[in-house]
Amino acid sequence: MLQVRHHMEYLELAIELLDTKLETLTKPYAAAIKLLYTIPGMKNDSAVTIISEIGTDMSQFASSRRLCSWAGLTPGNNQTAGKKKTVKITRAGVYIKPMLVQAAHAAVKCTSQV
């Protein structure tokens, strides 16, 4: 039982150190994170994931469509001779895509309660 308690204390300390490091690393992006909080369903982890994946310089994406395509949120257009083959969503955006889907679900629940 004592070993379990020591292990739990070690894990709690490790999590606290990681939280402190994350807070230090995200400090320069505080304004952008605060702006993302204005989106319904957006929490700190989601905002930090967006900033870490995309950054704050949107000039690298010519349009919102390009950003969505880069994040893997748009289905492919595989068409030959007028016949559609598959329209699966791409495998891109392994971190940002699930987070955005989760934030969208939270936003739907948030707005439905208003």
PDB file of N, CA and C in Angstrom:
ATOM      1  N   MET A   1       0.825  -1.200   0.000  1.00  0.00           N
ATOM      2  CA  MET A   1       0.000   0.000   0.000  1.00  0.00           C
ATOM      3  C   MET A   1       0.868   1.263   0.000  1.00  0.00           C
ATOM      4  N   LEU A   2       1.984   1.217   0.723  1.00  0.00           N
ATOM      5  CA  LEU A   2       2.883   2.358   0.803  1.00  0.00           C
ATOM      6  C   LEU A   2       3.503   2.652  -0.565  1.00  0.00           C
ATOM      7  N   GLN A   3       3.828   1.593  -1.317  1.00  0.00           N
ATOM      8  CA  GLN A   3       4.405   1.775  -2.653  1.00  0.00           C
ATOM      9  C   GLN A   3       3.410   2.457  -3.581  1.00  0.00           C
ATOM     10  N   VAL A   4       2.161   2.089  -3.478  1.00  0.00           N
ATOM     11  CA  VAL A   4       1.124   2.699  -4.313  1.00  0.00           C
ATOM     12  C   VAL A   4       1.011   4.181  -3.994  1.00  0.00           C
ATOM     13  N   ARG A   5       1.033   4.532  -2.721  1.00  0.00           N
ATOM     14  CA  ARG A   5       0.936   5.934  -2.312  1.00  0.00           C
ATOM     15  C   ARG A   5       2.123   6.740  -2.846  1.00  0.00           C
ATOM     16  N   HIS A   6       3.340   6.163  -2.749  1.00  0.00           N
ATOM     17  CA  HIS A   6       4.526   6.856  -3.272  1.00  0.00           C
ATOM     18  C   HIS A   6       4.433   7.035  -4.787  1.00  0.00           C
ATOM     19  N   HIS A   7       3.935   6.011  -5.443  1.00  0.00           N
ATOM     20  CA  HIS A   7       3.783   6.099  -6.895  1.00  0.00           C
ATOM     21  C   HIS A   7       2.758   7.173  -7.270  1.00  0.00           C
ATOM     22  N   MET A   8       1.665   7.236  -6.550  1.00  0.00           N
ATOM     23  CA  MET A   8       0.652   8.258  -6.818  1.00  0.00           C
ATOM     24  C   MET A   8       1.210   9.663  -6.585  1.00  0.00           C
ATOM     25  N   GLU A   9       1.977   9.835  -5.522  1.00  0.00           N
ATOM     26  CA  GLU A   9       2.600  11.136  -5.235  1.00  0.00           C
ATOM     27  C   GLU A   9       3.563  11.517  -6.348  1.00  0.00           C
ATOM     28  N   TYR A  10       4.323  10.539  -6.834  1.00  0.00           N
ATOM     29  CA  TYR A  10       5.245  10.795  -7.935  1.00  0.00           C
ATOM     30  C   TYR A  10       4.487  11.229  -9.186  1.00  0.00           C
ATOM     31  N   LEU A  11       3.416  10.541  -9.502  1.00  0.00           N
ATOM     32  CA  LEU A  11       2.617  10.891 -10.673  1.00  0.00           C
ATOM     33  C   LEU A  11       1.983  12.266 -10.542  1.00  0.00           C
ATOM     34  N   GLU A  12       1.476  12.584  -9.367  1.00  0.00           N
ATOM     35  CA  GLU A  12       0.884  13.902  -9.149  1.00  0.00           C
ATOM     36  C   GLU A  12       1.924  14.999  -9.317  1.00  0.00           C
ATOM     37  N   LEU A  13       3.148  14.765  -8.825  1.00  0.00           N
ATOM     38  CA  LEU A  13       4.231  15.740  -8.985  1.00  0.00           C
ATOM     39  C   LEU A  13       4.600  15.887 -10.450  1.00  0.00           C
ATOM     40  N   ALA A  14       4.666  14.779 -11.177  1.00  0.00           N
ATOM     41  CA  ALA A  14       4.994  14.820 -12.606  1.00  0.00           C
ATOM     42  C   ALA A  14       3.939  15.597 -13.388  1.00  0.00           C
ATOM     43  N   ILE A  15       2.672  15.382 -13.065  1.00  0.00           N
ATOM     44  CA  ILE A  15       1.587  16.109 -13.739  1.00  0.00           C
ATOM     45  C   ILE A  15       1.667  17.597 -13.421  1.00  0.00           C
ATOM     46  N   GLU A  16       1.949  17.923 -12.183  1.00  0.00           N
ATOM     47  CA  GLU A  16       2.082  19.327 -11.785  1.00  0.00           C
ATOM     48  C   GLU A  16       3.235  20.000 -12.521  1.00  0.00           C
ATOM     49  N   LEU A  17       4.358  19.308 -12.664  1.00  0.00           N
ATOM     50  CA  LEU A  17       5.496  19.860 -13.402  1.00  0.00           C
ATOM     51  C   LEU A  17       5.163  20.056 -14.879  1.00  0.00           C
ATOM     52  N   LEU A  18       4.456  19.098 -15.465  1.00  0.00           N
ATOM     53  CA  LEU A  18       4.058  19.228 -16.867  1.00  0.00           C
ATOM     54  C   LEU A  18       3.074  20.389 -17.064  1.00  0.00           C
ATOM     55  N   ASP A  19       2.138  20.542 -16.136  1.00  0.00           N
ATOM     56  CA  ASP A  19       1.195  21.663 -16.214  1.00  0.00           C
ATOM     57  C   ASP A  19       1.925  22.996 -16.139  1.00  0.00           C
ATOM     58  N   THR A  20       2.914  23.086 -15.260  1.00  0.00           N
ATOM     59  CA  THR A  20       3.700  24.315 -15.130  1.00  0.00           C
ATOM     60  C   THR A  20       4.477  24.594 -16.412  1.00  0.00           C
ATOM     61  N   LYS A  21       5.087  23.566 -16.980  1.00  0.00           N
ATOM     62  CA  LYS A  21       5.846  23.713 -18.230  1.00  0.00           C
ATOM     63  C   LYS A  21       4.921  24.141 -19.367  1.00  0.00           C
ATOM     64  N   LEU A  22       3.746  23.536 -19.452  1.00  0.00           N
ATOM     65  CA  LEU A  22       2.786  23.894 -20.491  1.00  0.00           C
ATOM     66  C   LEU A  22       2.326  25.343 -20.340  1.00  0.00           C
ATOM     67  N   GLU A  23       2.090  25.754 -19.114  1.00  0.00           N
ATOM     68  CA  GLU A  23       1.688  27.136 -18.856  1.00  0.00           C
ATOM     69  C   GLU A  23       2.782  28.108 -19.290  1.00  0.00           C
ATOM     70  N   THR A  24       4.033  27.760 -19.032  1.00  0.00           N
ATOM     71  CA  THR A  24       5.159  28.605 -19.430  1.00  0.00           C
ATOM     72  C   THR A  24       5.270  28.686 -20.949  1.00  0.00           C
ATOM     73  N   LEU A  25       5.115  27.544 -21.618  1.00  0.00           N
ATOM     74  CA  LEU A  25       5.239  27.512 -23.075  1.00  0.00           C
ATOM     75  C   LEU A  25       4.099  28.238 -23.785  1.00  0.00           C
ATOM     76  N   THR A  26       2.915  28.249 -23.192  1.00  0.00           N
ATOM     77  CA  THR A  26       1.767  28.874 -23.854  1.00  0.00           C
ATOM     78  C   THR A  26       1.590  30.346 -23.487  1.00  0.00           C
ATOM     79  N   LYS A  27       2.389  30.852 -22.556  1.00  0.00           N
ATOM     80  CA  LYS A  27       2.262  32.247 -22.127  1.00  0.00           C
ATOM     81  C   LYS A  27       2.335  33.247 -23.294  1.00  0.00           C
ATOM     82  N   PRO A  28       3.256  33.082 -24.254  1.00  0.00           N
ATOM     83  CA  PRO A  28       3.302  34.026 -25.385  1.00  0.00           C
ATOM     84  C   PRO A  28       2.035  34.015 -26.250  1.00  0.00           C
ATOM     85  N   TYR A  29       1.228  32.983 -26.133  1.00  0.00           N
ATOM     86  CA  TYR A  29       0.027  32.845 -26.955  1.00  0.00           C
ATOM     87  C   TYR A  29      -1.250  33.106 -26.160  1.00  0.00           C
ATOM     88  N   ALA A  30      -1.117  33.740 -25.024  1.00  0.00           N
ATOM     89  CA  ALA A  30      -2.260  33.962 -24.127  1.00  0.00           C
ATOM     90  C   ALA A  30      -3.403  34.709 -24.824  1.00  0.00           C
ATOM     91  N   ALA A  31      -3.082  35.720 -25.622  1.00  0.00           N
ATOM     92  CA  ALA A  31      -4.130  36.496 -26.300  1.00  0.00           C
ATOM     93  C   ALA A  31      -4.888  35.625 -27.306  1.00  0.00           C
ATOM     94  N   ALA A  32      -4.160  34.808 -28.060  1.00  0.00           N
ATOM     95  CA  ALA A  32      -4.805  33.927 -29.044  1.00  0.00           C
ATOM     96  C   ALA A  32      -5.651  32.863 -28.354  1.00  0.00           C
ATOM     97  N   ILE A  33      -5.160  32.328 -27.255  1.00  0.00           N
ATOM     98  CA  ILE A  33      -5.912  31.326 -26.497  1.00  0.00           C
ATOM     99  C   ILE A  33      -7.174  31.946 -25.921  1.00  0.00           C
ATOM    100  N   LYS A  34      -7.052  33.163 -25.419  1.00  0.00           N
ATOM    101  CA  LYS A  34      -8.218  33.862 -24.868  1.00  0.00           C
ATOM    102  C   LYS A  34      -9.262  34.104 -25.963  1.00  0.00           C
ATOM    103  N   LEU A  35      -8.808  34.441 -27.145  1.00  0.00           N
ATOM    104  CA  LEU A  35      -9.725  34.644 -28.271  1.00  0.00           C
ATOM    105  C   LEU A  35     -10.441  33.335 -28.635  1.00  0.00           C
ATOM    106  N   LEU A  36      -9.731  32.238 -28.585  1.00  0.00           N
ATOM    107  CA  LEU A  36     -10.352  30.942 -28.887  1.00  0.00           C
ATOM    108  C   LEU A  36     -11.393  30.556 -27.842  1.00  0.00           C
ATOM    109  N   TYR A  37     -11.228  31.033 -26.611  1.00  0.00           N
ATOM    110  CA  TYR A  37     -12.214  30.758 -25.557  1.00  0.00           C
ATOM    111  C   TYR A  37     -13.587  31.329 -25.895  1.00  0.00           C
ATOM    112  N   THR A  38     -13.653  32.300 -26.795  1.00  0.00           N
ATOM    113  CA  THR A  38     -14.938  32.903 -27.148  1.00  0.00           C
ATOM    114  C   THR A  38     -15.792  31.975 -28.014  1.00  0.00           C
ATOM    115  N   ILE A  39     -15.190  30.907 -28.523  1.00  0.00           N
ATOM    116  CA  ILE A  39     -15.923  29.926 -29.325  1.00  0.00           C
ATOM    117  C   ILE A  39     -16.666  28.989 -28.375  1.00  0.00           C
ATOM    118  N   PRO A  40     -17.961  28.792 -28.576  1.00  0.00           N
ATOM    119  CA  PRO A  40     -18.695  27.857 -27.704  1.00  0.00           C
ATOM    120  C   PRO A  40     -18.079  26.455 -27.748  1.00  0.00           C
ATOM    121  N   GLY A  41     -17.952  25.849 -26.593  1.00  0.00           N
ATOM    122  CA  GLY A  41     -17.395  24.505 -26.504  1.00  0.00           C
ATOM    123  C   GLY A  41     -15.884  24.448 -26.418  1.00  0.00           C
ATOM    124  N   MET A  42     -15.219  25.603 -26.492  1.00  0.00           N
ATOM    125  CA  MET A  42     -13.762  25.640 -26.477  1.00  0.00           C
ATOM    126  C   MET A  42     -13.252  25.748 -25.051  1.00  0.00           C
ATOM    127  N   LYS A  43     -12.363  24.845 -24.671  1.00  0.00           N
ATOM    128  CA  LYS A  43     -11.729  24.849 -23.362  1.00  0.00           C
ATOM    129  C   LYS A  43     -10.226  25.007 -23.548  1.00  0.00           C
ATOM    130  N   ASN A  44      -9.497  25.078 -22.443  1.00  0.00           N
ATOM    131  CA  ASN A  44      -8.062  25.331 -22.491  1.00  0.00           C
ATOM    132  C   ASN A  44      -7.315  24.282 -23.317  1.00  0.00           C
ATOM    133  N   ASP A  45      -7.578  23.005 -23.089  1.00  0.00           N
ATOM    134  CA  ASP A  45      -6.865  21.960 -23.828  1.00  0.00           C
ATOM    135  C   ASP A  45      -7.108  22.071 -25.325  1.00  0.00           C
ATOM    136  N   SER A  46      -8.334  22.375 -25.702  1.00  0.00           N
ATOM    137  CA  SER A  46      -8.669  22.516 -27.119  1.00  0.00           C
ATOM    138  C   SER A  46      -7.949  23.718 -27.728  1.00  0.00           C
ATOM    139  N   ALA A  47      -7.953  24.829 -27.024  1.00  0.00           N
ATOM    140  CA  ALA A  47      -7.297  26.043 -27.528  1.00  0.00           C
ATOM    141  C   ALA A  47      -5.796  25.820 -27.680  1.00  0.00           C
ATOM    142  N   VAL A  48      -5.189  25.182 -26.705  1.00  0.00           N
ATOM    143  CA  VAL A  48      -3.748  24.911 -26.766  1.00  0.00           C
ATOM    144  C   VAL A  48      -3.436  23.956 -27.922  1.00  0.00           C
ATOM    145  N   THR A  49      -4.286  22.974 -28.152  1.00  0.00           N
ATOM    146  CA  THR A  49      -4.078  22.044 -29.262  1.00  0.00           C
ATOM    147  C   THR A  49      -4.151  22.776 -30.600  1.00  0.00           C
ATOM    148  N   ILE A  50      -5.119  23.663 -30.747  1.00  0.00           N
ATOM    149  CA  ILE A  50      -5.245  24.429 -31.990  1.00  0.00           C
ATOM    150  C   ILE A  50      -4.006  25.284 -32.227  1.00  0.00           C
ATOM    151  N   ILE A  51      -3.581  26.002 -31.201  1.00  0.00           N
ATOM    152  CA  ILE A  51      -2.405  26.869 -31.340  1.00  0.00           C
ATOM    153  C   ILE A  51      -1.158  26.029 -31.631  1.00  0.00           C
ATOM    154  N   SER A  52      -1.015  24.900 -30.962  1.00  0.00           N
ATOM    155  CA  SER A  52       0.183  24.083 -31.181  1.00  0.00           C
ATOM    156  C   SER A  52       0.191  23.424 -32.557  1.00  0.00           C
ATOM    157  N   GLU A  53      -0.959  23.102 -33.079  1.00  0.00           N
ATOM    158  CA  GLU A  53      -1.031  22.454 -34.387  1.00  0.00           C
ATOM    159  C   GLU A  53      -0.975  23.462 -35.543  1.00  0.00           C
ATOM    160  N   ILE A  54      -1.715  24.554 -35.422  1.00  0.00           N
ATOM    161  CA  ILE A  54      -1.855  25.499 -36.532  1.00  0.00           C
ATOM    162  C   ILE A  54      -0.944  26.709 -36.367  1.00  0.00           C
ATOM    163  N   GLY A  55      -0.778  27.161 -35.119  1.00  0.00           N
ATOM    164  CA  GLY A  55      -0.034  28.392 -34.884  1.00  0.00           C
ATOM    165  C   GLY A  55      -0.975  29.581 -34.912  1.00  0.00           C
ATOM    166  N   THR A  56      -0.417  30.747 -34.952  1.00  0.00           N
ATOM    167  CA  THR A  56      -1.239  31.959 -34.991  1.00  0.00           C
ATOM    168  C   THR A  56      -1.156  32.683 -36.333  1.00  0.00           C
ATOM    169  N   ASP A  57      -0.277  32.244 -37.215  1.00  0.00           N
ATOM    170  CA  ASP A  57      -0.112  32.883 -38.522  1.00  0.00           C
ATOM    171  C   ASP A  57      -0.980  32.166 -39.547  1.00  0.00           C
ATOM    172  N   MET A  58      -2.135  32.733 -39.832  1.00  0.00           N
ATOM    173  CA  MET A  58      -3.068  32.115 -40.767  1.00  0.00           C
ATOM    174  C   MET A  58      -2.728  32.409 -42.223  1.00  0.00           C
ATOM    175  N   SER A  59      -1.693  33.219 -42.467  1.00  0.00           N
ATOM    176  CA  SER A  59      -1.341  33.549 -43.850  1.00  0.00           C
ATOM    177  C   SER A  59      -0.821  32.326 -44.612  1.00  0.00           C
ATOM    178  N   GLN A  60      -0.420  31.281 -43.893  1.00  0.00           N
ATOM    179  CA  GLN A  60       0.049  30.077 -44.572  1.00  0.00           C
ATOM    180  C   GLN A  60      -1.093  29.312 -45.246  1.00  0.00           C
ATOM    181  N   PHE A  61      -2.327  29.644 -44.883  1.00  0.00           N
ATOM    182  CA  PHE A  61      -3.500  29.040 -45.508  1.00  0.00           C
ATOM    183  C   PHE A  61      -4.204  30.108 -46.328  1.00  0.00           C
ATOM    184  N   ALA A  62      -4.319  29.874 -47.620  1.00  0.00           N
ATOM    185  CA  ALA A  62      -4.913  30.874 -48.503  1.00  0.00           C
ATOM    186  C   ALA A  62      -6.408  31.062 -48.231  1.00  0.00           C
ATOM    187  N   SER A  63      -7.056  30.044 -47.677  1.00  0.00           N
ATOM    188  CA  SER A  63      -8.487  30.128 -47.410  1.00  0.00           C
ATOM    189  C   SER A  63      -8.843  29.169 -46.280  1.00  0.00           C
ATOM    190  N   SER A  64     -10.070  29.303 -45.806  1.00  0.00           N
ATOM    191  CA  SER A  64     -10.539  28.383 -44.770  1.00  0.00           C
ATOM    192  C   SER A  64     -10.634  26.961 -45.315  1.00  0.00           C
ATOM    193  N   ARG A  65     -10.888  26.834 -46.601  1.00  0.00           N
ATOM    194  CA  ARG A  65     -10.964  25.509 -47.223  1.00  0.00           C
ATOM    195  C   ARG A  65      -9.604  24.803 -47.166  1.00  0.00           C
ATOM    196  N   ARG A  66      -8.549  25.568 -47.378  1.00  0.00           N
ATOM    197  CA  ARG A  66      -7.207  24.980 -47.318  1.00  0.00           C
ATOM    198  C   ARG A  66      -6.867  24.530 -45.903  1.00  0.00           C
ATOM    199  N   LEU A  67      -7.272  25.324 -44.928  1.00  0.00           N
ATOM    200  CA  LEU A  67      -7.044  24.952 -43.527  1.00  0.00           C
ATOM    201  C   LEU A  67      -7.806  23.672 -43.189  1.00  0.00           C
ATOM    202  N   CYS A  68      -9.056  23.601 -43.603  1.00  0.00           N
ATOM    203  CA  CYS A  68      -9.861  22.397 -43.348  1.00  0.00           C
ATOM    204  C   CYS A  68      -9.265  21.182 -44.042  1.00  0.00           C
ATOM    205  N   SER A  69      -8.781  21.361 -45.243  1.00  0.00           N
ATOM    206  CA  SER A  69      -8.156  20.266 -45.972  1.00  0.00           C
ATOM    207  C   SER A  69      -6.875  19.820 -45.272  1.00  0.00           C
ATOM    208  N   TRP A  70      -6.060  20.779 -44.825  1.00  0.00           N
ATOM    209  CA  TRP A  70      -4.823  20.459 -44.115  1.00  0.00           C
ATOM    210  C   TRP A  70      -5.118  19.697 -42.823  1.00  0.00           C
ATOM    211  N   ALA A  71      -6.175  20.078 -42.134  1.00  0.00           N
ATOM    212  CA  ALA A  71      -6.537  19.431 -40.875  1.00  0.00           C
ATOM    213  C   ALA A  71      -7.211  18.082 -41.086  1.00  0.00           C
ATOM    214  N   GLY A  72      -7.492  17.717 -42.328  1.00  0.00           N
ATOM    215  CA  GLY A  72      -8.096  16.421 -42.624  1.00  0.00           C
ATOM    216  C   GLY A  72      -9.591  16.388 -42.389  1.00  0.00           C
ATOM    217  N   LEU A  73     -10.244  17.542 -42.505  1.00  0.00           N
ATOM    218  CA  LEU A  73     -11.676  17.616 -42.229  1.00  0.00           C
ATOM    219  C   LEU A  73     -12.537  17.587 -43.485  1.00  0.00           C
ATOM    220  N   THR A  74     -11.910  17.515 -44.649  1.00  0.00           N
ATOM    221  CA  THR A  74     -12.675  17.507 -45.892  1.00  0.00           C
ATOM    222  C   THR A  74     -12.538  16.151 -46.577  1.00  0.00           C
ATOM    223  N   PRO A  75     -13.622  15.627 -47.118  1.00  0.00           N
ATOM    224  CA  PRO A  75     -13.530  14.334 -47.800  1.00  0.00           C
ATOM    225  C   PRO A  75     -12.772  14.465 -49.115  1.00  0.00           C
ATOM    226  N   GLY A  76     -12.104  13.395 -49.483  1.00  0.00           N
ATOM    227  CA  GLY A  76     -11.394  13.394 -50.754  1.00  0.00           C
ATOM    228  C   GLY A  76     -12.364  13.348 -51.916  1.00  0.00           C
ATOM    229  N   ASN A  77     -11.907  13.766 -53.066  1.00  0.00           N
ATOM    230  CA  ASN A  77     -12.739  13.749 -54.260  1.00  0.00           C
ATOM    231  C   ASN A  77     -12.071  12.819 -55.260  1.00  0.00           C
ATOM    232  N   ASN A  78     -12.386  11.549 -55.181  1.00  0.00           N
ATOM    233  CA  ASN A  78     -11.797  10.552 -56.047  1.00  0.00           C
ATOM    234  C   ASN A  78     -12.821  10.191 -57.112  1.00  0.00           C
ATOM    235  N   GLN A  79     -12.689  10.848 -58.254  1.00  0.00           N
ATOM    236  CA  GLN A  79     -13.689  10.694 -59.306  1.00  0.00           C
ATOM    237  C   GLN A  79     -12.987  10.383 -60.621  1.00  0.00           C
ATOM    238  N   THR A  80     -13.479   9.369 -61.322  1.00  0.00           N
ATOM    239  CA  THR A  80     -12.930   9.005 -62.621  1.00  0.00           C
ATOM    240  C   THR A  80     -14.085   8.790 -63.590  1.00  0.00           C
ATOM    241  N   ALA A  81     -14.034   9.427 -64.721  1.00  0.00           N
ATOM    242  CA  ALA A  81     -15.045   9.289 -65.773  1.00  0.00           C
ATOM    243  C   ALA A  81     -16.454   9.518 -65.238  1.00  0.00           C
ATOM    244  N   GLY A  82     -16.591  10.493 -64.347  1.00  0.00           N
ATOM    245  CA  GLY A  82     -17.899  10.834 -63.820  1.00  0.00           C
ATOM    246  C   GLY A  82     -18.395   9.908 -62.718  1.00  0.00           C
ATOM    247  N   LYS A  83     -17.598   8.904 -62.339  1.00  0.00           N
ATOM    248  CA  LYS A  83     -17.997   7.976 -61.282  1.00  0.00           C
ATOM    249  C   LYS A  83     -17.197   8.261 -60.018  1.00  0.00           C
ATOM    250  N   LYS A  84     -17.937   8.470 -58.927  1.00  0.00           N
ATOM    251  CA  LYS A  84     -17.269   8.692 -57.650  1.00  0.00           C
ATOM    252  C   LYS A  84     -16.847   7.359 -57.067  1.00  0.00           C
ATOM    253  N   LYS A  85     -15.610   7.307 -56.584  1.00  0.00           N
ATOM    254  CA  LYS A  85     -15.120   6.067 -55.984  1.00  0.00           C
ATOM    255  C   LYS A  85     -15.296   6.110 -54.470  1.00  0.00           C
ATOM    256  N   THR A  86     -14.505   6.895 -53.772  1.00  0.00           N
ATOM    257  CA  THR A  86     -14.639   6.990 -52.318  1.00  0.00           C
ATOM    258  C   THR A  86     -14.644   8.454 -51.908  1.00  0.00           C
ATOM    259  N   VAL A  87     -15.306   8.732 -50.832  1.00  0.00           N
ATOM    260  CA  VAL A  87     -15.328  10.099 -50.311  1.00  0.00           C
ATOM    261  C   VAL A  87     -14.990  10.070 -48.819  1.00  0.00           C
ATOM    262  N   LYS A  88     -13.996   9.280 -48.453  1.00  0.00           N
ATOM    263  CA  LYS A  88     -13.585   9.177 -47.066  1.00  0.00           C
ATOM    264  C   LYS A  88     -12.811  10.425 -46.650  1.00  0.00           C
ATOM    265  N   ILE A  89     -12.894  10.736 -45.376  1.00  0.00           N
ATOM    266  CA  ILE A  89     -12.093  11.825 -44.825  1.00  0.00           C
ATOM    267  C   ILE A  89     -10.666  11.325 -44.701  1.00  0.00           C
ATOM    268  N   THR A  90      -9.708  12.192 -45.002  1.00  0.00           N
ATOM    269  CA  THR A  90      -8.301  11.794 -45.012  1.00  0.00           C
ATOM    270  C   THR A  90      -7.789  11.489 -43.605  1.00  0.00           C
ATOM    271  N   ARG A  91      -6.599  10.926 -43.540  1.00  0.00           N
ATOM    272  CA  ARG A  91      -5.977  10.580 -42.270  1.00  0.00           C
ATOM    273  C   ARG A  91      -5.173  11.738 -41.689  1.00  0.00           C
ATOM    274  N   ALA A  92      -5.120  12.853 -42.346  1.00  0.00           N
ATOM    275  CA  ALA A  92      -4.365  14.012 -41.857  1.00  0.00           C
ATOM    276  C   ALA A  92      -4.981  14.539 -40.572  1.00  0.00           C
ATOM    277  N   GLY A  93      -4.234  15.321 -39.838  1.00  0.00           N
ATOM    278  CA  GLY A  93      -4.752  15.974 -38.642  1.00  0.00           C
ATOM    279  C   GLY A  93      -5.077  15.020 -37.511  1.00  0.00           C
ATOM    280  N   VAL A  94      -4.152  14.098 -37.207  1.00  0.00           N
ATOM    281  CA  VAL A  94      -4.440  13.082 -36.196  1.00  0.00           C
ATOM    282  C   VAL A  94      -4.679  13.660 -34.801  1.00  0.00           C
ATOM    283  N   TYR A  95      -4.147  14.821 -34.513  1.00  0.00           N
ATOM    284  CA  TYR A  95      -4.364  15.436 -33.200  1.00  0.00           C
ATOM    285  C   TYR A  95      -5.477  16.475 -33.236  1.00  0.00           C
ATOM    286  N   ILE A  96      -5.473  17.296 -34.268  1.00  0.00           N
ATOM    287  CA  ILE A  96      -6.420  18.412 -34.299  1.00  0.00           C
ATOM    288  C   ILE A  96      -7.825  17.968 -34.701  1.00  0.00           C
ATOM    289  N   LYS A  97      -7.927  16.997 -35.577  1.00  0.00           N
ATOM    290  CA  LYS A  97      -9.249  16.572 -36.055  1.00  0.00           C
ATOM    291  C   LYS A  97     -10.131  16.027 -34.923  1.00  0.00           C
ATOM    292  N   PRO A  98      -9.662  15.085 -34.113  1.00  0.00           N
ATOM    293  CA  PRO A  98     -10.522  14.597 -33.027  1.00  0.00           C
ATOM    294  C   PRO A  98     -10.860  15.688 -32.010  1.00  0.00           C
ATOM    295  N   MET A  99      -9.903  16.583 -31.773  1.00  0.00           N
ATOM    296  CA  MET A  99     -10.156  17.669 -30.826  1.00  0.00           C
ATOM    297  C   MET A  99     -11.237  18.611 -31.363  1.00  0.00           C
ATOM    298  N   LEU A 100     -11.188  18.927 -32.652  1.00  0.00           N
ATOM    299  CA  LEU A 100     -12.202  19.807 -33.241  1.00  0.00           C
ATOM    300  C   LEU A 100     -13.576  19.147 -33.247  1.00  0.00           C
ATOM    301  N   VAL A 101     -13.616  17.860 -33.484  1.00  0.00           N
ATOM    302  CA  VAL A 101     -14.892  17.133 -33.446  1.00  0.00           C
ATOM    303  C   VAL A 101     -15.452  17.165 -32.023  1.00  0.00           C
ATOM    304  N   GLN A 102     -14.590  16.926 -31.039  1.00  0.00           N
ATOM    305  CA  GLN A 102     -15.022  16.962 -29.641  1.00  0.00           C
ATOM    306  C   GLN A 102     -15.512  18.360 -29.255  1.00  0.00           C
ATOM    307  N   ALA A 103     -14.802  19.399 -29.699  1.00  0.00           N
ATOM    308  CA  ALA A 103     -15.223  20.780 -29.413  1.00  0.00           C
ATOM    309  C   ALA A 103     -16.557  21.086 -30.089  1.00  0.00           C
ATOM    310  N   ALA A 104     -16.767  20.550 -31.287  1.00  0.00           N
ATOM    311  CA  ALA A 104     -18.041  20.765 -31.986  1.00  0.00           C
ATOM    312  C   ALA A 104     -19.197  20.112 -31.233  1.00  0.00           C
ATOM    313  N   HIS A 105     -18.959  18.909 -30.728  1.00  0.00           N
ATOM    314  CA  HIS A 105     -19.997  18.243 -29.926  1.00  0.00           C
ATOM    315  C   HIS A 105     -20.318  19.052 -28.662  1.00  0.00           C
ATOM    316  N   ALA A 106     -19.280  19.587 -28.017  1.00  0.00           N
ATOM    317  CA  ALA A 106     -19.488  20.401 -26.825  1.00  0.00           C
ATOM    318  C   ALA A 106     -20.240  21.683 -27.162  1.00  0.00           C
ATOM    319  N   ALA A 107     -19.921  22.268 -28.330  1.00  0.00           N
ATOM    320  CA  ALA A 107     -20.604  23.494 -28.738  1.00  0.00           C
ATOM    321  C   ALA A 107     -22.095  23.231 -28.998  1.00  0.00           C
ATOM    322  N   VAL A 108     -22.409  22.100 -29.589  1.00  0.00           N
ATOM    323  CA  VAL A 108     -23.808  21.759 -29.844  1.00  0.00           C
ATOM    324  C   VAL A 108     -24.558  21.610 -28.546  1.00  0.00           C
ATOM    325  N   LYS A 109     -23.949  20.931 -27.582  1.00  0.00           N
ATOM    326  CA  LYS A 109     -24.593  20.770 -26.270  1.00  0.00           C
ATOM    327  C   LYS A 109     -24.723  22.099 -25.563  1.00  0.00           C
ATOM    328  N   CYS A 110     -23.723  22.950 -25.717  1.00  0.00           N
ATOM    329  CA  CYS A 110     -23.718  24.259 -25.056  1.00  0.00           C
ATOM    330  C   CYS A 110     -24.823  25.160 -25.599  1.00  0.00           C
ATOM    331  N   THR A 111     -24.987  25.199 -26.934  1.00  0.00           N
ATOM    332  CA  THR A 111     -25.980  26.073 -27.536  1.00  0.00           C
ATOM    333  C   THR A 111     -27.389  25.522 -27.370  1.00  0.00           C
ATOM    334  N   SER A 112     -27.521  24.200 -27.227  1.00  0.00           N
ATOM    335  CA  SER A 112     -28.858  23.651 -27.094  1.00  0.00           C
ATOM    336  C   SER A 112     -29.446  23.934 -25.707  1.00  0.00           C
ATOM    337  N   GLN A 113     -28.595  24.280 -24.738  1.00  0.00           N
ATOM    338  CA  GLN A 113     -29.043  24.591 -23.398  1.00  0.00           C
ATOM    339  C   GLN A 113     -29.394  26.058 -23.228  1.00  0.00           C
ATOM    340  N   VAL A 114     -29.039  26.890 -24.204  1.00  0.00           N
ATOM    341  CA  VAL A 114     -29.279  28.322 -24.103  1.00  0.00           C
ATOM    342  C   VAL A 114     -30.710  28.655 -24.435  1.00  0.00           C
TER     343      VAL A 114
END
